Amino acid sequence: MGFGQQKTFIHDDNYEQALINLGYDNVLNDSVLTANIYPVTVLNVSAQNISDFTGIEDFMNMDAFNLGGNLIISIDLSNNIKLDSIIGIQNMSLDTIDLSNNTLLRYVNLWAFVSLQSINLDNHDIYLRNSFFIITFTL
């Protein structure tokens, strides 16, 4: 797939700095070359004080994602259809996550979610798919 100089908008400076630290970007300018992130299969941006994951939709080949310990309220992973595992441990502010398009998921760990009010797992047959979901939050 040719992206040329197509860029992905990255709203959160902490998120972009994490991508710079991982070698996917080189300047803090609210964008990253889409060609640099398209092939990424594993993304670990845990504990980076990220509050906005705008741009995550262009990580279209990502199959493992660790977003734990950040400050996000909601996240849209509907374009990340190759996701196999998600770790979101201690995202205390996250209240909504939609995983309905992520039908390849086998492992979801959303442990210690105080604010989680909605998780959409439509289209998942977790009993027949040999999936492992850990969802723990305190009311």
C-alpha atoms as a PDB file:
ATOM      1  CA  MET A   1       0.000   0.000   0.000  1.00  0.00           C
ATOM      2  CA  GLY A   2       1.530   3.352  -1.003  1.00  0.00           C
ATOM      3  CA  PHE A   3       1.099   6.202   1.433  1.00  0.00           C
ATOM      4  CA  GLY A   4       3.643   8.627  -0.068  1.00  0.00           C
ATOM      5  CA  GLN A   5       3.822  11.553   2.311  1.00  0.00           C
ATOM      6  CA  GLN A   6       0.380  10.931   3.849  1.00  0.00           C
ATOM      7  CA  LYS A   7       0.345  11.921   7.498  1.00  0.00           C
ATOM      8  CA  THR A   8      -1.656  10.742  10.481  1.00  0.00           C
ATOM      9  CA  PHE A   9      -2.800  13.455  12.875  1.00  0.00           C
ATOM     10  CA  ILE A  10      -1.625  12.903  16.458  1.00  0.00           C
ATOM     11  CA  HIS A  11      -3.393  15.307  18.825  1.00  0.00           C
ATOM     12  CA  ASP A  12      -1.702  14.383  22.106  1.00  0.00           C
ATOM     13  CA  ASP A  13       1.956  15.458  22.497  1.00  0.00           C
ATOM     14  CA  ASN A  14       2.645  12.649  24.981  1.00  0.00           C
ATOM     15  CA  TYR A  15       1.348  10.125  22.464  1.00  0.00           C
ATOM     16  CA  GLU A  16       3.510  11.570  19.702  1.00  0.00           C
ATOM     17  CA  GLN A  17       6.549  11.644  22.002  1.00  0.00           C
ATOM     18  CA  ALA A  18       5.973   7.955  22.763  1.00  0.00           C
ATOM     19  CA  LEU A  19       5.936   7.276  19.000  1.00  0.00           C
ATOM     20  CA  ILE A  20       9.171   9.273  18.640  1.00  0.00           C
ATOM     21  CA  ASN A  21      10.738   7.251  21.458  1.00  0.00           C
ATOM     22  CA  LEU A  22       9.738   4.052  19.637  1.00  0.00           C
ATOM     23  CA  GLY A  23      11.326   5.303  16.394  1.00  0.00           C
ATOM     24  CA  TYR A  24       8.122   5.814  14.371  1.00  0.00           C
ATOM     25  CA  ASP A  25       8.470   9.608  14.201  1.00  0.00           C
ATOM     26  CA  ASN A  26      11.264  12.118  14.647  1.00  0.00           C
ATOM     27  CA  VAL A  27       9.755  15.546  15.293  1.00  0.00           C
ATOM     28  CA  LEU A  28       6.987  16.723  17.627  1.00  0.00           C
ATOM     29  CA  ASN A  29       4.628  18.364  15.094  1.00  0.00           C
ATOM     30  CA  ASP A  30       1.173  16.788  15.668  1.00  0.00           C
ATOM     31  CA  SER A  31       1.627  14.194  12.926  1.00  0.00           C
ATOM     32  CA  VAL A  32       3.476  11.049  11.950  1.00  0.00           C
ATOM     33  CA  LEU A  33       4.040   9.616   8.489  1.00  0.00           C
ATOM     34  CA  THR A  34       1.330   7.007   7.972  1.00  0.00           C
ATOM     35  CA  ALA A  35       3.842   4.798   6.157  1.00  0.00           C
ATOM     36  CA  ASN A  36       5.873   4.606   9.390  1.00  0.00           C
ATOM     37  CA  ILE A  37       3.009   3.270  11.504  1.00  0.00           C
ATOM     38  CA  TYR A  38       1.075   1.159   9.006  1.00  0.00           C
ATOM     39  CA  PRO A  39       3.367  -1.884   9.370  1.00  0.00           C
ATOM     40  CA  VAL A  40       3.472  -1.779  13.209  1.00  0.00           C
ATOM     41  CA  THR A  41       2.112  -5.012  14.699  1.00  0.00           C
ATOM     42  CA  VAL A  42       2.865  -4.436  18.401  1.00  0.00           C
ATOM     43  CA  LEU A  43       2.402  -1.082  20.110  1.00  0.00           C
ATOM     44  CA  ASN A  44       3.294  -0.584  23.766  1.00  0.00           C
ATOM     45  CA  VAL A  45       2.624   2.966  24.935  1.00  0.00           C
ATOM     46  CA  SER A  46       1.820   2.185  28.547  1.00  0.00           C
ATOM     47  CA  ALA A  47       2.287   4.777  31.310  1.00  0.00           C
ATOM     48  CA  GLN A  48       2.968   7.732  29.010  1.00  0.00           C
ATOM     49  CA  ASN A  49       0.313  10.176  30.364  1.00  0.00           C
ATOM     50  CA  ILE A  50      -1.577   9.959  27.067  1.00  0.00           C
ATOM     51  CA  SER A  51      -5.092  11.394  27.154  1.00  0.00           C
ATOM     52  CA  ASP A  52      -6.027  11.166  23.443  1.00  0.00           C
ATOM     53  CA  PHE A  53      -5.295   8.315  21.034  1.00  0.00           C
ATOM     54  CA  THR A  54      -6.399  10.161  17.888  1.00  0.00           C
ATOM     55  CA  GLY A  55      -4.458   8.524  15.061  1.00  0.00           C
ATOM     56  CA  ILE A  56      -4.588   4.988  16.469  1.00  0.00           C
ATOM     57  CA  GLU A  57      -6.945   4.102  13.606  1.00  0.00           C
ATOM     58  CA  ASP A  58      -4.015   4.193  11.144  1.00  0.00           C
ATOM     59  CA  PHE A  59      -2.178   1.385  12.985  1.00  0.00           C
ATOM     60  CA  MET A  60      -4.117  -0.972  10.741  1.00  0.00           C
ATOM     61  CA  ASN A  61      -1.755  -3.950  11.119  1.00  0.00           C
ATOM     62  CA  MET A  62      -1.502  -3.752  14.900  1.00  0.00           C
ATOM     63  CA  ASP A  63      -2.327  -7.062  16.552  1.00  0.00           C
ATOM     64  CA  ALA A  64      -1.155  -6.298  20.110  1.00  0.00           C
ATOM     65  CA  PHE A  65      -1.764  -3.034  21.965  1.00  0.00           C
ATOM     66  CA  ASN A  66      -0.757  -2.016  25.486  1.00  0.00           C
ATOM     67  CA  LEU A  67      -2.407   1.254  26.475  1.00  0.00           C
ATOM     68  CA  GLY A  68      -2.280   0.721  30.225  1.00  0.00           C
ATOM     69  CA  GLY A  69      -1.632   3.436  32.763  1.00  0.00           C
ATOM     70  CA  ASN A  70      -2.703   6.374  30.592  1.00  0.00           C
ATOM     71  CA  LEU A  71      -5.329   9.088  31.066  1.00  0.00           C
ATOM     72  CA  ILE A  72      -7.823   8.359  28.285  1.00  0.00           C
ATOM     73  CA  ILE A  73     -11.592   8.523  28.734  1.00  0.00           C
ATOM     74  CA  SER A  74     -12.596   6.648  25.574  1.00  0.00           C
ATOM     75  CA  ILE A  75     -10.917   4.973  22.642  1.00  0.00           C
ATOM     76  CA  ASP A  76     -12.080   3.953  19.177  1.00  0.00           C
ATOM     77  CA  LEU A  77     -10.368   0.791  17.979  1.00  0.00           C
ATOM     78  CA  SER A  78     -12.926   0.019  15.269  1.00  0.00           C
ATOM     79  CA  ASN A  79     -10.371   0.342  12.435  1.00  0.00           C
ATOM     80  CA  ASN A  80      -7.822  -1.870  14.185  1.00  0.00           C
ATOM     81  CA  ILE A  81      -9.483  -5.079  13.041  1.00  0.00           C
ATOM     82  CA  LYS A  82      -6.317  -7.208  13.297  1.00  0.00           C
ATOM     83  CA  LEU A  83      -6.096  -6.752  17.071  1.00  0.00           C
ATOM     84  CA  ASP A  84      -5.519 -10.035  18.842  1.00  0.00           C
ATOM     85  CA  SER A  85      -4.724  -8.713  22.323  1.00  0.00           C
ATOM     86  CA  ILE A  86      -5.294  -5.543  24.315  1.00  0.00           C
ATOM     87  CA  ILE A  87      -3.818  -4.696  27.671  1.00  0.00           C
ATOM     88  CA  GLY A  88      -5.276  -1.663  29.382  1.00  0.00           C
ATOM     89  CA  ILE A  89      -4.335  -2.179  33.008  1.00  0.00           C
ATOM     90  CA  GLN A  90      -5.081   0.774  35.277  1.00  0.00           C
ATOM     91  CA  ASN A  91      -6.638   3.200  32.830  1.00  0.00           C
ATOM     92  CA  MET A  92      -8.583   4.694  35.711  1.00  0.00           C
ATOM     93  CA  SER A  93     -10.365   7.312  33.570  1.00  0.00           C
ATOM     94  CA  LEU A  94     -11.475   5.081  30.676  1.00  0.00           C
ATOM     95  CA  ASP A  95     -15.252   4.863  30.670  1.00  0.00           C
ATOM     96  CA  THR A  96     -16.029   3.596  27.141  1.00  0.00           C
ATOM     97  CA  ILE A  97     -14.350   1.112  24.831  1.00  0.00           C
ATOM     98  CA  ASP A  98     -15.866  -0.356  21.685  1.00  0.00           C
ATOM     99  CA  LEU A  99     -14.383  -3.680  20.605  1.00  0.00           C
ATOM    100  CA  SER A 100     -17.267  -4.798  18.396  1.00  0.00           C
ATOM    101  CA  ASN A 101     -15.244  -4.701  15.143  1.00  0.00           C
ATOM    102  CA  ASN A 102     -12.254  -6.456  16.702  1.00  0.00           C
ATOM    103  CA  THR A 103     -13.471  -9.981  16.037  1.00  0.00           C
ATOM    104  CA  LEU A 104      -9.955 -11.510  16.152  1.00  0.00           C
ATOM    105  CA  LEU A 105      -9.474 -10.609  19.819  1.00  0.00           C
ATOM    106  CA  ARG A 106      -8.346 -13.505  21.973  1.00  0.00           C
ATOM    107  CA  TYR A 107      -7.002 -11.646  24.998  1.00  0.00           C
ATOM    108  CA  VAL A 108      -8.379  -8.486  26.620  1.00  0.00           C
ATOM    109  CA  ASN A 109      -7.093  -7.381  30.002  1.00  0.00           C
ATOM    110  CA  LEU A 110      -8.909  -4.343  31.381  1.00  0.00           C
ATOM    111  CA  TRP A 111      -7.948  -4.652  35.017  1.00  0.00           C
ATOM    112  CA  ALA A 112      -8.586  -1.945  37.657  1.00  0.00           C
ATOM    113  CA  PHE A 113     -10.986   0.227  35.689  1.00  0.00           C
ATOM    114  CA  VAL A 114     -12.774   2.456  38.160  1.00  0.00           C
ATOM    115  CA  SER A 115     -14.724   4.494  35.570  1.00  0.00           C
ATOM    116  CA  LEU A 116     -15.596   1.838  32.963  1.00  0.00           C
ATOM    117  CA  GLN A 117     -19.283   2.174  32.137  1.00  0.00           C
ATOM    118  CA  SER A 118     -19.503   0.634  28.683  1.00  0.00           C
ATOM    119  CA  ILE A 119     -17.644  -2.105  26.839  1.00  0.00           C
ATOM    120  CA  ASN A 120     -19.062  -3.218  23.518  1.00  0.00           C
ATOM    121  CA  LEU A 121     -18.218  -6.831  22.693  1.00  0.00           C
ATOM    122  CA  ASP A 122     -20.919  -7.311  20.044  1.00  0.00           C
ATOM    123  CA  ASN A 123     -19.881  -9.790  17.330  1.00  0.00           C
ATOM    124  CA  HIS A 124     -17.782 -11.801  19.813  1.00  0.00           C
ATOM    125  CA  ASP A 125     -18.570 -15.346  20.659  1.00  0.00           C
ATOM    126  CA  ILE A 126     -16.064 -15.568  23.473  1.00  0.00           C
ATOM    127  CA  TYR A 127     -17.175 -19.027  24.578  1.00  0.00           C
ATOM    128  CA  LEU A 128     -16.577 -20.600  21.180  1.00  0.00           C
ATOM    129  CA  ARG A 129     -13.469 -18.628  20.267  1.00  0.00           C
ATOM    130  CA  ASN A 130     -11.300 -19.760  23.172  1.00  0.00           C
ATOM    131  CA  SER A 131     -10.853 -16.125  24.166  1.00  0.00           C
ATOM    132  CA  PHE A 132      -9.651 -14.833  27.490  1.00  0.00           C
ATOM    133  CA  PHE A 133     -11.204 -11.635  28.854  1.00  0.00           C
ATOM    134  CA  ILE A 134     -10.276 -10.090  32.200  1.00  0.00           C
ATOM    135  CA  ILE A 135     -12.450  -7.131  33.107  1.00  0.00           C
ATOM    136  CA  THR A 136     -12.245  -5.853  36.651  1.00  0.00           C
ATOM    137  CA  PHE A 137     -13.558  -2.566  37.982  1.00  0.00           C
ATOM    138  CA  THR A 138     -14.873  -1.269  41.248  1.00  0.00           C
ATOM    139  CA  LEU A 139     -18.331   0.247  41.580  1.00  0.00           C
END
